[in-house]
Amino acid sequence: MRELALEIGIRVLLFGVFVFTEFLEPFERVIQPEELWLYKNPLVESDHIPKRVMFAISFLTPLAVIFVVKIIQRTDKTEIKEACLAVSLALALNGVFTNTIKLIVGRWKTECEDAVHRRS
């Protein structure tokens, strides 16, 4: 029982780090007008997916697969518990690593956008 509490504690800590890094401001990389053409090739239309939809898909899909397999194969509670622990660890680690890279690499903005922000 103590091992399970430690496992859950680690996941809660990782999830806390993920939520904390989700709301940090990333580094803003200023792109000079001369090099802006490099970032416009190839032209891609917006493929934005809302955060809520993305989180719902990433959390509910693995859980749905686990419970479908439970129903089909009639697995016991230990296997379900370990599968849920594996999914929670994978999601928390993925979120922490993704946010760390997002914060380090940053978002780009042009020098023109920087001038507009300074005026306002």
Protein backbone atom coordinates (compact mmCIF):
# COMPACT_ATOMS: atom_id res chain seq x y z
CA MET A 1 0.00 0.00 0.00
CA ARG A 2 2.91 2.34 0.74
CA GLU A 3 4.34 1.72 -2.73
CA LEU A 4 1.03 2.67 -4.35
CA ALA A 5 0.92 5.89 -2.31
CA LEU A 6 4.46 6.71 -3.46
CA GLU A 7 3.53 6.03 -7.10
CA ILE A 8 0.48 8.27 -6.85
CA GLY A 9 2.51 10.96 -5.08
CA ILE A 10 5.08 11.00 -7.88
CA ARG A 11 2.33 11.36 -10.47
CA VAL A 12 0.64 14.17 -8.54
CA LEU A 13 3.99 15.97 -8.27
CA LEU A 14 4.63 15.57 -12.02
CA PHE A 15 1.12 16.75 -12.80
CA GLY A 16 1.68 19.78 -10.54
CA VAL A 17 4.88 20.64 -12.40
CA PHE A 18 3.00 20.24 -15.68
CA VAL A 19 0.21 22.61 -14.61
CA PHE A 20 2.77 25.13 -13.28
CA THR A 21 4.77 25.13 -16.52
CA GLU A 22 1.58 25.34 -18.59
CA PHE A 23 0.97 28.89 -17.36
CA LEU A 24 4.55 30.23 -17.62
CA GLU A 25 5.37 32.72 -20.37
CA PRO A 26 7.70 31.23 -23.00
CA PHE A 27 10.82 32.91 -24.30
CA GLU A 28 10.00 35.29 -27.18
CA ARG A 29 12.37 34.98 -30.10
CA VAL A 30 12.55 38.14 -32.25
CA ILE A 31 12.70 37.41 -35.98
CA GLN A 32 14.30 40.09 -38.14
CA PRO A 33 12.45 41.18 -41.32
CA GLU A 34 15.30 39.84 -43.50
CA GLU A 35 14.84 36.30 -42.21
CA LEU A 36 11.05 36.30 -42.05
CA TRP A 37 10.83 34.53 -45.43
CA LEU A 38 12.46 31.48 -43.85
CA TYR A 39 9.51 31.04 -41.50
CA LYS A 40 6.82 31.48 -44.16
CA ASN A 41 7.88 28.46 -46.21
CA PRO A 42 5.90 26.22 -46.68
CA LEU A 43 2.71 28.16 -46.19
CA VAL A 44 0.43 26.28 -43.78
CA GLU A 45 -3.09 27.27 -42.92
CA SER A 46 -4.01 27.35 -39.27
CA ASP A 47 -4.42 23.87 -37.80
CA HIS A 48 -5.21 24.96 -34.26
CA ILE A 49 -6.91 22.49 -31.91
CA PRO A 50 -8.46 23.95 -28.73
CA LYS A 51 -6.74 23.00 -25.46
CA ARG A 52 -9.84 21.48 -23.90
CA VAL A 53 -10.41 19.17 -26.87
CA MET A 54 -6.75 18.14 -26.90
CA PHE A 55 -6.73 17.36 -23.16
CA ALA A 56 -10.00 15.42 -23.44
CA ILE A 57 -8.61 13.32 -26.29
CA SER A 58 -5.28 12.68 -24.57
CA PHE A 59 -6.86 11.66 -21.25
CA LEU A 60 -10.00 9.84 -22.33
CA THR A 61 -8.62 7.79 -25.24
CA PRO A 62 -6.14 5.71 -23.19
CA LEU A 63 -8.69 5.19 -20.43
CA ALA A 64 -11.32 4.09 -22.96
CA VAL A 65 -8.87 1.58 -24.45
CA ILE A 66 -8.04 0.22 -21.00
CA PHE A 67 -11.69 -0.30 -20.10
CA VAL A 68 -12.59 -1.79 -23.50
CA VAL A 69 -9.76 -4.32 -23.09
CA LYS A 70 -10.97 -5.00 -19.53
CA ILE A 71 -14.43 -5.82 -20.82
CA ILE A 72 -13.21 -7.96 -23.74
CA GLN A 73 -10.50 -9.92 -21.93
CA ARG A 74 -12.01 -9.86 -18.42
CA THR A 75 -8.79 -8.74 -16.75
CA ASP A 76 -8.41 -8.41 -13.00
CA LYS A 77 -8.12 -5.22 -10.94
CA THR A 78 -4.33 -5.40 -10.61
CA GLU A 79 -3.81 -5.16 -14.37
CA ILE A 80 -6.25 -2.27 -14.64
CA LYS A 81 -4.50 -0.45 -11.77
CA GLU A 82 -1.09 -0.90 -13.42
CA ALA A 83 -2.41 0.22 -16.80
CA CYS A 84 -3.90 3.37 -15.26
CA LEU A 85 -0.61 4.07 -13.46
CA ALA A 86 1.29 3.65 -16.73
CA VAL A 87 -1.04 6.01 -18.58
CA SER A 88 -0.87 8.64 -15.84
CA LEU A 89 2.94 8.50 -15.76
CA ALA A 90 3.17 8.73 -19.55
CA LEU A 91 0.81 11.71 -19.73
CA ALA A 92 2.53 13.59 -16.88
CA LEU A 93 6.04 13.02 -18.25
CA ASN A 94 4.95 13.94 -21.77
CA GLY A 95 3.37 17.17 -20.50
CA VAL A 96 6.44 18.16 -18.48
CA PHE A 97 8.87 17.48 -21.34
CA THR A 98 6.66 19.22 -23.91
CA ASN A 99 6.25 22.33 -21.77
CA THR A 100 9.97 22.44 -20.99
CA ILE A 101 10.83 22.41 -24.68
CA LYS A 102 8.10 24.98 -25.40
CA LEU A 103 9.54 27.32 -22.75
CA ILE A 104 13.14 26.92 -23.91
CA VAL A 105 12.56 27.27 -27.66
CA GLY A 106 9.93 29.95 -27.24
CA ARG A 107 7.57 31.66 -29.62
CA TRP A 108 8.69 33.79 -32.48
CA LYS A 109 7.56 37.30 -33.27
CA THR A 110 8.72 39.74 -35.89
CA GLU A 111 10.50 43.00 -35.24
CA CYS A 112 7.38 44.79 -36.55
CA GLU A 113 5.21 43.10 -33.90
CA ASP A 114 7.77 44.14 -31.28
CA ALA A 115 7.51 47.78 -32.39
CA VAL A 116 3.70 47.64 -32.22
CA HIS A 117 3.84 46.25 -28.67
CA ARG A 118 6.24 48.99 -27.57
CA ARG A 119 3.91 51.73 -28.88
CA SER A 120 0.86 50.41 -27.05
